[in-house]
Amino acid sequence: MSPSNSHARVLIAVTPARTDSPAGHHTYEFSYGKQDATIEAIQHLNTIRNNISTNENYDFYTLINRALTSPFTQATLPFTTTVLQEVRVSGYGSNTAPRYQFVHDFSTEELTKVILPTGGTLEWDYKAALFVSNRNLREVSHRYLTASADGTGSRLTYTVGRAGDAIDGSLTIHSWFTMDDPSGTQKAWNFNITGAPELLGTLNNLQSKVSGLIGADIPSTEYLTWTYDPAGNPYISQKHSQLDSGKSYQQDSYVTQVVNQYGSVIRSSVYDYTNSQTPIRIYETSHIADPGSPNQAEYADSRYIRDRVVNMIVKNHLTTETGILLSSATYDTANSCDTTAQPTVVQLMHDSSYNNGNKGNKTGQTTPSGTSCWMYDVLGNVYRTAGPGVPTTAITTNLNSNYAVPGQIQISGDAASISSFQFNNWMGLTNAAAPNGATSLINYDSLGRPKDSTSPLSVQTKYFYYPDPAPDTGFFPVATFTGQRSGQMATTAARHWTRTTLDGLGRVVRAESGDVTSMPTPYQLLTPNMAHVHVHPWGR
């Protein structure tokens, strides 16, 4: 990552482990500026560009010099602002570029609506909430969702409820919060409003019930108990789960946990519904930075390698011995699988201090099913591994991909078992060759999506993404998505096809398959190999 030299540390480039690009390893570059320097005091993000041979670039459009009105007093404020109007995916070919549109209240400039590229919308209403010392803050009162691709379908309402000014007006936080779902259910969050300052606003309990009914049945409640670890940091030490709260047949279960000074769980107890006094299972865990562990001081230093599990055992309340070992692991052990030398890695993109000391790589693990091992190169890539029922496997990386993906996999040192892989410069798989010589090929379009592919059986498949123009009318004779904003289709040379249609939120609402003789006109449910996926409006 390369921030510019400014007090704001603005990000101008990101450099991950991809192959070289014309910009010199920069995968993404960010540019900032002002539409009008006489009006705008602060630069904003203008574009995002990539250098990995796809056209996934982004342009940001803003509205400047927007007058502001106080949402509390409706008074005109003596300054203006700039708001984001649209994010557009550029380099999309001849078709209309996908875009995210942002709508703001004309006076307060609060964000009120987002239109997704697939046509769905999210909307918000706001209101003022009173807190202690007569402080008013704006917050969401309703959320609206339209899932249809044209934005004109059913508009679902999610209502947000809070205690109100009479209660919360004397507090620094809300005491409770509810969300009414369009399905008729409600979630209610109750927060801690007294006690130590660091616990104010933490969750006390969560209830699920029917919306809008006073005294309605409460199918489930979860109560949380907070305590402090040895370092003085708060954490949840108990979760009390309650079914059918307040009923004569109410059932309760518990899970408790204890953490060490680094926040890692060292003991967890599970209590069944039939017995809340005695745990049915107890898990005990030791970690790599615990006192007495090998190289404990090094793992506990500024590297923050402290949460790696060394041993985990399980026992019940009747077990007096050591329990059953679930896992025992070792880290940074040399030659954990065999004595094969570490591969040479050239043109490293890190400083020399990276080679010093342990890195927390798991090199061995024993479970009830057997023992596994892993060996790593200097960049942290596994180059050798073995395990229960799995022969020793060698994994080779190379400079062509900056050692980021495997170029070859070999089993048990057998040359006849080699599988090889090729990738393009943004790490998209383009060629996979199996040990028997069978090869799979994939080509991509300008946005990095599969354009065509060839299977090991030499079956060619082409892909079409609506609303793009069909790339090959011979493959896609009637590939239409009338009335929809987006969808995709795949067709083989033998004219076997699959088609999926998306709703306004990008979810699959229809999946179809067949051959050229059964190619349906849009939305005729006539072919036998068709699944009509009914997506519930609020995602269930």
Protein backbone atom coordinates (compact mmCIF):
# COMPACT_ATOMS: atom_id res chain seq x y z
CA MET A 1 0.00 0.00 0.00
CA SER A 2 1.35 3.40 -0.94
CA PRO A 3 -0.19 6.41 0.78
CA SER A 4 0.67 9.86 -0.43
CA ASN A 5 2.79 12.12 1.77
CA SER A 6 0.04 14.08 3.50
CA HIS A 7 -1.39 14.52 6.96
CA ALA A 8 -4.49 12.61 5.83
CA ARG A 9 -2.41 9.64 4.56
CA VAL A 10 -4.55 9.29 1.43
CA LEU A 11 -4.23 5.88 -0.21
CA ILE A 12 -3.03 6.11 -3.81
CA ALA A 13 -2.01 2.53 -4.66
CA VAL A 14 -2.40 -1.09 -3.51
CA THR A 15 0.28 -3.65 -4.32
CA PRO A 16 -0.63 -7.30 -3.57
CA ALA A 17 1.22 -10.41 -4.73
CA ARG A 18 0.17 -10.36 -8.37
CA THR A 19 2.27 -10.44 -11.49
CA ASP A 20 3.95 -7.33 -12.85
CA SER A 21 1.79 -4.65 -14.41
CA PRO A 22 2.63 -1.62 -16.55
CA ALA A 23 2.34 0.59 -13.48
CA GLY A 24 4.98 -1.43 -11.67
CA HIS A 25 3.21 -3.94 -9.40
CA HIS A 26 0.33 -1.58 -8.57
CA THR A 27 -2.90 -3.52 -8.92
CA TYR A 28 -5.20 -0.60 -8.03
CA GLU A 29 -4.48 3.10 -8.20
CA PHE A 30 -6.63 5.81 -6.62
CA SER A 31 -6.88 9.40 -7.79
CA TYR A 32 -8.28 12.35 -5.83
CA GLY A 33 -9.29 15.86 -6.79
CA LYS A 34 -11.86 18.67 -6.71
CA GLN A 35 -14.49 19.61 -9.23
CA ASP A 36 -14.14 23.26 -8.29
CA ALA A 37 -11.18 24.32 -6.15
CA THR A 38 -12.83 27.64 -5.37
CA ILE A 39 -15.73 25.88 -3.64
CA GLU A 40 -14.44 22.53 -2.35
CA ALA A 41 -11.97 22.63 0.50
CA ILE A 42 -11.20 18.89 0.57
CA GLN A 43 -10.23 16.51 -2.22
CA HIS A 44 -12.41 13.47 -2.76
CA LEU A 45 -11.95 10.14 -4.53
CA ASN A 46 -12.40 10.53 -8.28
CA THR A 47 -11.35 7.23 -9.85
CA ILE A 48 -10.08 3.73 -9.13
CA ARG A 49 -8.02 2.16 -11.90
CA ASN A 50 -6.44 -1.27 -12.13
CA ASN A 51 -3.43 -2.52 -14.05
CA ILE A 52 -4.20 -6.24 -14.23
CA SER A 53 -5.74 -6.30 -17.70
CA THR A 54 -9.41 -6.08 -16.77
CA ASN A 55 -11.68 -3.11 -17.25
CA GLU A 56 -12.97 -3.12 -13.70
CA ASN A 57 -12.46 0.57 -13.16
CA TYR A 58 -14.60 2.92 -11.10
CA ASP A 59 -15.56 6.56 -11.57
CA PHE A 60 -17.06 8.63 -8.75
CA TYR A 61 -19.46 11.48 -9.48
CA THR A 62 -20.36 14.10 -6.91
CA LEU A 63 -22.71 17.03 -6.47
CA ILE A 64 -20.93 20.12 -5.16
CA ASN A 65 -21.95 23.35 -3.47
CA ARG A 66 -25.04 21.79 -1.91
CA ALA A 67 -26.85 24.05 0.54
CA LEU A 68 -27.51 22.61 3.99
CA THR A 69 -30.49 22.96 6.28
CA SER A 70 -30.42 21.93 9.92
CA PRO A 71 -32.66 18.86 10.41
CA PHE A 72 -33.38 20.08 13.96
CA THR A 73 -34.21 23.76 13.49
CA GLN A 74 -34.73 23.92 9.68
CA ALA A 75 -32.39 26.91 9.64
CA THR A 76 -30.17 27.38 6.58
CA LEU A 77 -26.53 26.74 7.51
CA PRO A 78 -23.77 29.18 6.47
CA PHE A 79 -21.79 26.62 4.44
CA THR A 80 -22.25 24.03 1.68
CA THR A 81 -21.20 20.45 1.19
CA THR A 82 -20.32 17.87 -1.48
CA VAL A 83 -22.18 14.56 -1.70
CA LEU A 84 -21.63 11.37 -3.66
CA GLN A 85 -24.13 11.00 -6.50
CA GLU A 86 -22.99 7.93 -8.44
CA VAL A 87 -20.34 5.21 -8.65
CA ARG A 88 -20.02 3.87 -12.18
CA VAL A 89 -18.14 0.80 -13.38
CA SER A 90 -16.29 2.06 -16.42
CA GLY A 91 -14.65 0.09 -19.22
CA TYR A 92 -17.81 -1.96 -19.65
CA GLY A 93 -17.90 -1.98 -23.43
CA SER A 94 -20.66 -0.49 -25.55
CA ASN A 95 -23.45 -1.17 -23.09
CA THR A 96 -24.59 1.06 -20.26
CA ALA A 97 -22.15 0.78 -17.40
CA PRO A 98 -23.44 -0.69 -14.12
CA ARG A 99 -23.79 2.04 -11.56
CA TYR A 100 -24.69 2.66 -7.95
CA GLN A 101 -26.83 5.77 -7.53
CA PHE A 102 -27.13 7.72 -4.28
CA VAL A 103 -30.07 10.01 -3.49
CA HIS A 104 -29.86 12.59 -0.68
CA ASP A 105 -32.44 14.72 1.05
CA PHE A 106 -32.44 18.06 -0.75
CA SER A 107 -32.14 20.09 2.45
CA THR A 108 -30.31 18.00 5.07
CA GLU A 109 -28.30 15.93 2.50
CA GLU A 110 -28.94 12.77 4.53
CA LEU A 111 -28.64 9.64 2.39
CA THR A 112 -32.22 8.50 1.67
CA LYS A 113 -31.92 6.02 -1.19
CA VAL A 114 -29.43 3.75 -2.97
CA ILE A 115 -30.24 2.26 -6.39
CA LEU A 116 -28.25 -0.91 -7.10
CA PRO A 117 -26.91 -1.82 -10.57
CA THR A 118 -29.43 -4.68 -10.73
CA GLY A 119 -32.35 -2.29 -10.14
CA GLY A 120 -33.20 -2.98 -6.51
CA THR A 121 -33.34 -0.14 -3.99
CA LEU A 122 -32.61 0.54 -0.32
CA GLU A 123 -34.19 3.58 1.35
CA TRP A 124 -34.11 5.22 4.79
CA ASP A 125 -36.15 7.65 6.88
CA TYR A 126 -34.63 9.60 9.77
CA LYS A 127 -35.75 11.20 13.00
CA ALA A 128 -34.15 13.05 15.91
CA ALA A 129 -33.41 11.24 19.18
CA LEU A 130 -32.84 13.00 22.50
CA PHE A 131 -29.99 12.07 24.84
CA VAL A 132 -28.64 13.42 28.12
CA SER A 133 -27.70 17.13 28.32
CA ASN A 134 -30.35 17.90 25.69
CA ARG A 135 -28.29 16.41 22.85
CA ASN A 136 -30.21 15.51 19.69
CA LEU A 137 -28.83 13.03 17.18
CA ARG A 138 -30.32 11.95 13.87
CA GLU A 139 -30.91 8.23 13.37
CA VAL A 140 -32.76 5.82 11.08
CA SER A 141 -36.44 5.25 11.87
CA HIS A 142 -37.42 3.08 8.88
CA ARG A 143 -35.62 1.08 6.24
CA TYR A 144 -37.27 0.16 2.93
CA LEU A 145 -36.32 -2.56 0.45
CA THR A 146 -37.48 -3.05 -3.13
CA ALA A 147 -36.23 -6.30 -4.62
CA SER A 148 -37.72 -6.11 -8.12
CA ALA A 149 -35.35 -5.47 -11.00
CA ASP A 150 -37.24 -2.41 -12.23
CA GLY A 151 -37.63 -0.87 -8.75
CA THR A 152 -41.43 -0.78 -9.00
CA GLY A 153 -42.34 -3.95 -7.12
CA SER A 154 -43.41 -4.45 -3.53
CA ARG A 155 -41.74 -2.00 -1.14
CA LEU A 156 -40.97 -3.73 2.14
CA THR A 157 -40.80 -1.73 5.36
CA TYR A 158 -38.49 -2.45 8.30
CA THR A 159 -39.47 -0.37 11.33
CA VAL A 160 -36.89 0.61 13.93
CA GLY A 161 -38.15 1.09 17.49
CA ARG A 162 -36.43 2.67 20.50
CA ALA A 163 -37.34 3.56 24.07
CA GLY A 164 -38.04 7.20 23.23
CA ASP A 165 -37.03 10.57 24.64
CA ALA A 166 -38.78 10.06 28.00
CA ILE A 167 -36.37 7.23 28.86
CA ASP A 168 -33.30 7.71 26.68
CA GLY A 169 -33.30 11.49 27.12
CA SER A 170 -31.48 11.03 30.43
CA LEU A 171 -28.95 8.53 29.04
CA THR A 172 -25.85 8.68 26.87
CA ILE A 173 -26.99 5.63 24.88
CA HIS A 174 -30.20 3.89 23.84
CA SER A 175 -31.61 1.48 26.43
CA TRP A 176 -33.20 -0.83 23.85
CA PHE A 177 -33.70 -1.21 20.13
CA THR A 178 -36.19 -3.22 18.03
CA MET A 179 -36.41 -4.14 14.36
CA ASP A 180 -39.80 -5.20 12.94
CA ASP A 181 -39.37 -7.52 9.99
CA PRO A 182 -41.93 -7.58 7.13
CA SER A 183 -42.47 -11.26 7.92
CA GLY A 184 -44.20 -10.26 11.15
CA THR A 185 -41.36 -11.10 13.54
CA GLN A 186 -39.39 -8.75 15.73
CA LYS A 187 -35.89 -8.70 17.18
CA ALA A 188 -35.37 -6.73 20.39
CA TRP A 189 -31.94 -5.78 21.70
CA ASN A 190 -31.62 -4.59 25.33
CA PHE A 191 -28.40 -2.84 26.35
CA ASN A 192 -26.52 -2.29 29.59
CA ILE A 193 -27.19 1.29 30.71
CA THR A 194 -25.57 1.18 34.17
CA GLY A 195 -22.23 0.01 35.53
CA ALA A 196 -18.65 0.58 34.40
CA PRO A 197 -18.22 3.04 31.50
CA GLU A 198 -16.65 0.41 29.24
CA LEU A 199 -19.77 -1.77 29.57
CA LEU A 200 -22.31 0.93 28.72
CA GLY A 201 -24.05 0.05 25.49
CA THR A 202 -22.96 -3.59 25.49
CA LEU A 203 -25.68 -6.14 24.76
CA ASN A 204 -27.56 -7.48 27.78
CA ASN A 205 -30.09 -9.68 26.00
CA LEU A 206 -31.68 -10.36 22.61
CA GLN A 207 -35.30 -11.43 22.18
CA SER A 208 -37.20 -12.83 19.20
CA LYS A 209 -40.97 -12.35 19.15
CA VAL A 210 -44.02 -11.36 17.10
CA SER A 211 -44.10 -7.73 15.93
CA GLY A 212 -46.38 -5.17 17.56
CA LEU A 213 -48.02 -7.42 20.17
CA ILE A 214 -47.75 -6.41 23.82
CA GLY A 215 -47.04 -9.48 25.93
CA ALA A 216 -46.67 -11.65 22.83
CA ASP A 217 -45.02 -15.03 23.02
CA ILE A 218 -41.24 -14.84 23.13
CA PRO A 219 -39.89 -17.90 21.31
CA SER A 220 -36.30 -17.27 22.36
CA THR A 221 -34.13 -15.00 24.50
CA GLU A 222 -30.38 -14.87 24.86
CA TYR A 223 -28.91 -13.27 27.99
CA LEU A 224 -25.24 -12.29 28.11
CA THR A 225 -23.03 -11.95 31.19
CA TRP A 226 -19.93 -9.76 31.00
CA THR A 227 -16.75 -10.01 33.06
CA TYR A 228 -13.04 -9.08 32.76
CA ASP A 229 -10.02 -11.02 31.56
CA PRO A 230 -6.67 -10.92 33.43
CA ALA A 231 -5.66 -7.86 31.39
CA GLY A 232 -8.76 -5.96 32.50
CA ASN A 233 -10.62 -6.15 29.18
CA PRO A 234 -14.36 -7.00 29.24
CA TYR A 235 -15.63 -10.12 27.53
CA ILE A 236 -18.77 -12.30 27.46
CA SER A 237 -18.31 -15.04 30.07
CA GLN A 238 -21.76 -16.62 29.77
CA LYS A 239 -24.59 -16.98 27.26
CA HIS A 240 -27.92 -18.06 28.72
CA SER A 241 -30.27 -19.35 25.99
CA GLN A 242 -33.95 -19.50 26.85
CA LEU A 243 -36.73 -21.06 24.78
CA ASP A 244 -40.41 -20.12 25.23
CA SER A 245 -39.55 -17.44 27.76
CA GLY A 246 -42.09 -17.06 30.57
CA LYS A 247 -43.98 -20.26 29.78
CA SER A 248 -44.45 -23.22 32.13
CA TYR A 249 -42.46 -25.30 29.65
CA GLN A 250 -39.60 -22.77 29.40
CA GLN A 251 -36.21 -24.39 28.77
CA ASP A 252 -32.78 -22.95 29.64
CA SER A 253 -29.26 -23.83 28.56
CA TYR A 254 -25.89 -22.19 29.19
CA VAL A 255 -22.46 -21.84 27.65
CA THR A 256 -19.66 -20.36 29.75
CA GLN A 257 -16.12 -19.44 28.80
CA VAL A 258 -12.88 -18.22 30.36
CA VAL A 259 -10.24 -16.34 28.38
CA ASN A 260 -6.60 -15.56 29.01
CA GLN A 261 -4.93 -12.14 29.04
CA TYR A 262 -4.83 -12.13 25.22
CA GLY A 263 -8.55 -12.83 24.82
CA SER A 264 -8.14 -16.47 23.72
CA VAL A 265 -10.63 -18.99 25.17
CA ILE A 266 -8.92 -21.44 27.54
CA ARG A 267 -12.00 -23.15 28.95
CA SER A 268 -15.55 -23.53 27.67
CA SER A 269 -18.41 -25.41 29.35
CA VAL A 270 -21.68 -26.48 27.71
CA TYR A 271 -24.82 -27.09 29.82
CA ASP A 272 -27.74 -29.06 28.40
CA TYR A 273 -31.39 -27.95 28.67
CA THR A 274 -32.09 -30.73 31.15
CA ASN A 275 -29.31 -29.77 33.55
CA SER A 276 -28.23 -26.18 34.11
CA GLN A 277 -26.01 -27.02 37.09
CA THR A 278 -23.54 -29.54 35.67
CA PRO A 279 -21.85 -29.14 32.27
CA ILE A 280 -22.32 -31.94 29.77
CA ARG A 281 -19.04 -31.09 28.01
CA ILE A 282 -15.95 -29.13 28.99
CA TYR A 283 -13.36 -27.97 26.45
CA GLU A 284 -9.88 -26.93 27.63
CA THR A 285 -7.45 -25.23 25.30
CA SER A 286 -3.81 -24.17 25.54
CA HIS A 287 -2.19 -21.64 23.23
CA ILE A 288 1.14 -20.88 21.69
CA ALA A 289 1.84 -17.84 23.91
CA ASP A 290 0.84 -19.49 27.20
CA PRO A 291 3.55 -19.63 29.90
CA GLY A 292 5.57 -22.80 29.50
CA SER A 293 4.95 -23.15 25.76
CA PRO A 294 8.06 -23.40 23.55
CA ASN A 295 9.25 -19.96 22.41
CA GLN A 296 6.46 -18.38 24.47
CA ALA A 297 8.24 -15.04 24.81
CA GLU A 298 8.74 -14.71 21.06
CA TYR A 299 5.12 -15.50 20.21
CA ALA A 300 3.85 -13.11 22.89
CA ASP A 301 5.93 -10.14 21.69
CA SER A 302 4.93 -7.44 19.22
CA ARG A 303 4.25 -10.04 16.51
CA TYR A 304 0.93 -10.70 18.26
CA ILE A 305 1.04 -14.42 17.41
CA ARG A 306 -0.84 -15.44 20.52
CA ASP A 307 -4.06 -17.22 19.55
CA ARG A 308 -2.70 -20.37 17.87
CA VAL A 309 -4.14 -23.47 19.58
CA VAL A 310 -1.56 -25.98 20.84
CA ASN A 311 -3.79 -28.52 22.59
CA MET A 312 -7.54 -28.98 22.92
CA ILE A 313 -9.18 -31.63 25.06
CA VAL A 314 -12.81 -32.43 25.82
CA LYS A 315 -14.26 -34.11 28.90
CA ASN A 316 -17.55 -34.41 30.75
CA HIS A 317 -18.37 -33.80 34.38
CA LEU A 318 -17.74 -37.47 35.21
CA THR A 319 -14.27 -37.53 33.69
CA THR A 320 -11.54 -37.47 36.32
CA GLU A 321 -8.63 -38.19 33.97
CA THR A 322 -7.18 -35.87 31.36
CA GLY A 323 -10.05 -36.20 28.88
CA ILE A 324 -10.01 -36.90 25.15
CA LEU A 325 -7.43 -35.14 23.00
CA LEU A 326 -9.18 -33.39 20.10
CA SER A 327 -6.14 -31.68 18.66
CA SER A 328 -2.44 -31.20 19.36
CA ALA A 329 -0.47 -28.85 17.12
CA THR A 330 3.12 -27.70 16.60
CA TYR A 331 4.28 -24.50 14.95
CA ASP A 332 7.38 -23.41 13.01
CA THR A 333 9.03 -26.83 13.30
CA ALA A 334 11.69 -27.56 10.67
CA ASN A 335 11.36 -30.65 8.46
CA SER A 336 7.92 -31.50 9.82
CA CYS A 337 7.11 -33.77 6.84
CA ASP A 338 10.58 -34.76 5.59
CA THR A 339 13.98 -33.24 4.87
CA THR A 340 13.10 -31.71 1.50
CA ALA A 341 14.88 -28.38 1.23
CA GLN A 342 12.87 -25.17 1.19
CA PRO A 343 12.47 -23.89 -2.39
CA THR A 344 14.38 -20.80 -3.45
CA VAL A 345 12.23 -17.69 -3.72
CA VAL A 346 13.66 -14.74 -5.64
CA GLN A 347 12.63 -11.10 -5.99
CA LEU A 348 11.07 -10.99 -2.53
CA MET A 349 8.81 -8.04 -1.82
CA HIS A 350 9.56 -7.65 1.88
CA ASP A 351 12.43 -6.41 4.03
CA SER A 352 15.06 -8.59 5.68
CA SER A 353 13.39 -8.50 9.11
CA TYR A 354 10.64 -10.76 7.74
CA ASN A 355 13.09 -13.67 7.76
CA ASN A 356 13.79 -13.34 11.47
CA GLY A 357 12.05 -15.49 14.07
CA ASN A 358 8.96 -17.65 14.04
CA LYS A 359 5.84 -16.75 12.06
CA GLY A 360 3.17 -18.92 13.69
CA ASN A 361 2.82 -21.36 10.78
CA LYS A 362 1.20 -24.66 11.81
CA THR A 363 3.63 -27.43 10.86
CA GLY A 364 2.01 -30.43 12.55
CA GLN A 365 -1.33 -31.49 13.98
CA THR A 366 -2.53 -34.68 15.62
CA THR A 367 -6.27 -35.43 15.87
CA PRO A 368 -8.19 -38.65 16.57
CA SER A 369 -8.02 -39.40 12.83
CA GLY A 370 -4.21 -39.16 12.61
CA THR A 371 -1.31 -36.76 12.11
CA SER A 372 -0.87 -34.12 9.40
CA CYS A 373 2.13 -31.97 8.51
CA TRP A 374 2.88 -28.83 6.53
CA MET A 375 6.13 -27.21 5.36
CA TYR A 376 6.36 -23.57 4.22
CA ASP A 377 8.57 -21.40 2.05
CA VAL A 378 9.74 -17.98 3.21
CA LEU A 379 6.55 -16.34 1.90
CA GLY A 380 4.30 -18.62 3.92
CA ASN A 381 3.23 -20.87 1.03
CA VAL A 382 2.81 -24.58 1.79
CA TYR A 383 5.27 -26.51 -0.41
CA ARG A 384 4.89 -29.93 1.18
CA THR A 385 2.06 -31.60 3.11
CA ALA A 386 0.79 -35.01 4.19
CA GLY A 387 -1.97 -36.37 6.40
CA PRO A 388 -4.19 -39.33 7.30
CA GLY A 389 -4.87 -41.23 4.07
CA VAL A 390 -3.16 -38.48 2.08
CA PRO A 391 0.29 -39.21 0.59
CA THR A 392 3.05 -36.63 0.68
CA THR A 393 2.10 -33.85 -1.70
CA ALA A 394 4.54 -31.33 -3.19
CA ILE A 395 3.23 -27.90 -4.20
CA THR A 396 5.33 -25.66 -6.43
CA THR A 397 4.96 -21.92 -6.91
CA ASN A 398 6.97 -19.75 -9.29
CA LEU A 399 7.99 -16.23 -10.12
CA ASN A 400 5.41 -15.95 -12.94
CA SER A 401 2.72 -15.47 -10.30
CA ASN A 402 4.93 -13.86 -7.66
CA TYR A 403 4.60 -17.16 -5.77
CA ALA A 404 0.95 -16.43 -5.04
CA VAL A 405 -0.71 -19.53 -6.55
CA PRO A 406 0.37 -23.14 -7.18
CA GLY A 407 1.94 -23.86 -10.55
CA GLN A 408 2.29 -27.61 -10.01
CA ILE A 409 1.11 -30.31 -7.62
CA GLN A 410 2.84 -33.69 -7.39
CA ILE A 411 1.85 -36.76 -5.34
CA SER A 412 4.44 -39.02 -3.65
CA GLY A 413 7.24 -37.86 -5.91
CA ASP A 414 5.66 -39.64 -8.88
CA ALA A 415 6.21 -37.75 -12.14
CA ALA A 416 3.06 -39.39 -13.54
CA SER A 417 0.96 -37.72 -10.83
CA ILE A 418 1.79 -34.11 -11.70
CA SER A 419 -1.03 -31.62 -12.21
CA SER A 420 -0.07 -28.19 -13.56
CA PHE A 421 -1.84 -24.85 -13.57
CA GLN A 422 -1.49 -21.56 -15.43
CA PHE A 423 -2.95 -18.21 -14.42
CA ASN A 424 -3.26 -14.81 -16.04
CA ASN A 425 -1.80 -11.72 -14.40
CA TRP A 426 -4.81 -11.17 -12.11
CA MET A 427 -4.65 -14.81 -10.94
CA GLY A 428 -7.56 -16.10 -13.01
CA LEU A 429 -7.05 -19.78 -13.83
CA THR A 430 -6.57 -20.17 -17.60
CA ASN A 431 -5.18 -23.71 -17.99
CA ALA A 432 -5.35 -26.83 -15.80
CA ALA A 433 -3.63 -30.03 -16.92
CA ALA A 434 -4.38 -33.30 -15.10
CA PRO A 435 -1.90 -36.19 -14.76
CA ASN A 436 -3.60 -38.04 -17.63
CA GLY A 437 -2.99 -35.12 -19.95
CA ALA A 438 -6.59 -33.90 -19.97
CA THR A 439 -6.66 -30.11 -20.12
CA SER A 440 -9.22 -27.48 -19.14
CA LEU A 441 -9.09 -23.97 -20.59
CA ILE A 442 -10.82 -20.75 -19.52
CA ASN A 443 -10.85 -17.36 -21.26
CA TYR A 444 -12.24 -14.22 -19.62
CA ASP A 445 -13.95 -11.06 -20.78
CA SER A 446 -12.76 -7.54 -20.04
CA LEU A 447 -14.39 -7.62 -16.59
CA GLY A 448 -12.75 -10.86 -15.52
CA ARG A 449 -15.83 -13.06 -16.05
CA PRO A 450 -15.59 -16.41 -17.90
CA LYS A 451 -16.07 -15.78 -21.62
CA ASP A 452 -15.60 -19.31 -22.89
CA SER A 453 -14.18 -22.55 -21.56
CA THR A 454 -13.11 -25.97 -22.80
CA SER A 455 -13.57 -29.03 -20.59
CA PRO A 456 -11.17 -32.01 -20.36
CA LEU A 457 -13.54 -33.76 -22.80
CA SER A 458 -13.07 -30.89 -25.30
CA VAL A 459 -16.60 -29.58 -24.79
CA GLN A 460 -16.66 -25.84 -25.46
CA THR A 461 -18.95 -23.57 -23.43
CA LYS A 462 -19.62 -19.88 -24.04
CA TYR A 463 -21.04 -17.43 -21.51
CA PHE A 464 -23.36 -14.48 -22.01
CA TYR A 465 -24.13 -11.80 -19.40
CA TYR A 466 -27.28 -9.79 -19.92
CA PRO A 467 -27.63 -6.87 -20.65
CA ASP A 468 -24.42 -7.19 -22.68
CA PRO A 469 -24.90 -7.86 -26.39
CA ALA A 470 -24.82 -11.61 -27.13
CA PRO A 471 -21.22 -12.42 -28.17
CA ASP A 472 -22.19 -15.23 -30.57
CA THR A 473 -25.73 -15.44 -31.95
CA GLY A 474 -24.97 -18.94 -33.18
CA PHE A 475 -24.54 -20.07 -29.58
CA PHE A 476 -27.30 -17.84 -28.19
CA PRO A 477 -30.15 -17.79 -30.74
CA VAL A 478 -32.85 -16.48 -28.37
CA ALA A 479 -30.92 -15.63 -25.25
CA THR A 480 -33.14 -12.86 -23.95
CA PHE A 481 -34.12 -11.66 -20.48
CA THR A 482 -37.13 -9.50 -21.27
CA GLY A 483 -38.17 -7.31 -18.35
CA GLN A 484 -35.08 -8.07 -16.29
CA ARG A 485 -32.01 -6.02 -15.52
CA SER A 486 -29.49 -8.85 -15.28
CA GLY A 487 -28.91 -12.54 -15.87
CA GLN A 488 -26.43 -14.95 -17.38
CA MET A 489 -26.45 -17.90 -19.75
CA ALA A 490 -24.02 -20.67 -20.71
CA THR A 491 -24.30 -22.73 -23.91
CA THR A 492 -22.15 -25.59 -25.21
CA ALA A 493 -21.32 -26.27 -28.84
CA ALA A 494 -23.91 -29.07 -28.72
CA ARG A 495 -26.48 -26.41 -27.75
CA HIS A 496 -26.97 -27.59 -24.17
CA TRP A 497 -27.69 -24.50 -22.14
CA THR A 498 -28.32 -23.12 -18.70
CA ARG A 499 -29.83 -19.75 -17.89
CA THR A 500 -30.16 -17.89 -14.59
CA THR A 501 -32.17 -14.73 -14.01
CA LEU A 502 -31.48 -12.30 -11.17
CA ASP A 503 -33.73 -9.98 -9.20
CA GLY A 504 -33.01 -6.39 -8.28
CA LEU A 505 -30.71 -7.46 -5.42
CA GLY A 506 -28.63 -9.76 -7.62
CA ARG A 507 -30.21 -12.98 -6.28
CA VAL A 508 -31.10 -15.88 -8.58
CA VAL A 509 -34.88 -16.01 -9.04
CA ARG A 510 -34.99 -18.46 -11.93
CA ALA A 511 -32.72 -21.26 -13.15
CA GLU A 512 -33.38 -23.07 -16.45
CA SER A 513 -31.63 -25.73 -18.50
CA GLY A 514 -32.25 -27.64 -21.73
CA ASP A 515 -31.02 -27.96 -25.28
CA VAL A 516 -31.61 -25.95 -28.42
CA THR A 517 -34.84 -27.82 -29.16
CA SER A 518 -36.34 -26.72 -25.86
CA MET A 519 -35.01 -23.18 -25.77
CA PRO A 520 -37.94 -21.30 -24.19
CA THR A 521 -39.11 -17.87 -25.00
CA PRO A 522 -38.70 -15.61 -21.96
CA TYR A 523 -40.48 -16.88 -18.86
CA GLN A 524 -42.34 -19.79 -20.44
CA LEU A 525 -42.12 -22.56 -17.84
CA LEU A 526 -42.39 -25.39 -20.36
CA THR A 527 -39.15 -27.35 -20.34
CA PRO A 528 -38.73 -30.36 -18.03
CA ASN A 529 -35.30 -29.36 -16.76
CA MET A 530 -36.29 -26.13 -15.09
CA ALA A 531 -36.21 -24.92 -11.51
CA HIS A 532 -38.20 -21.82 -10.69
CA VAL A 533 -36.52 -20.44 -7.59
CA HIS A 534 -39.03 -18.55 -5.45
CA VAL A 535 -37.03 -15.98 -3.51
CA HIS A 536 -38.94 -14.58 -0.56
CA PRO A 537 -39.06 -10.76 -0.83
CA TRP A 538 -37.00 -10.25 2.31
CA GLY A 539 -34.41 -12.88 1.49
CA ARG A 540 -35.72 -16.08 3.06
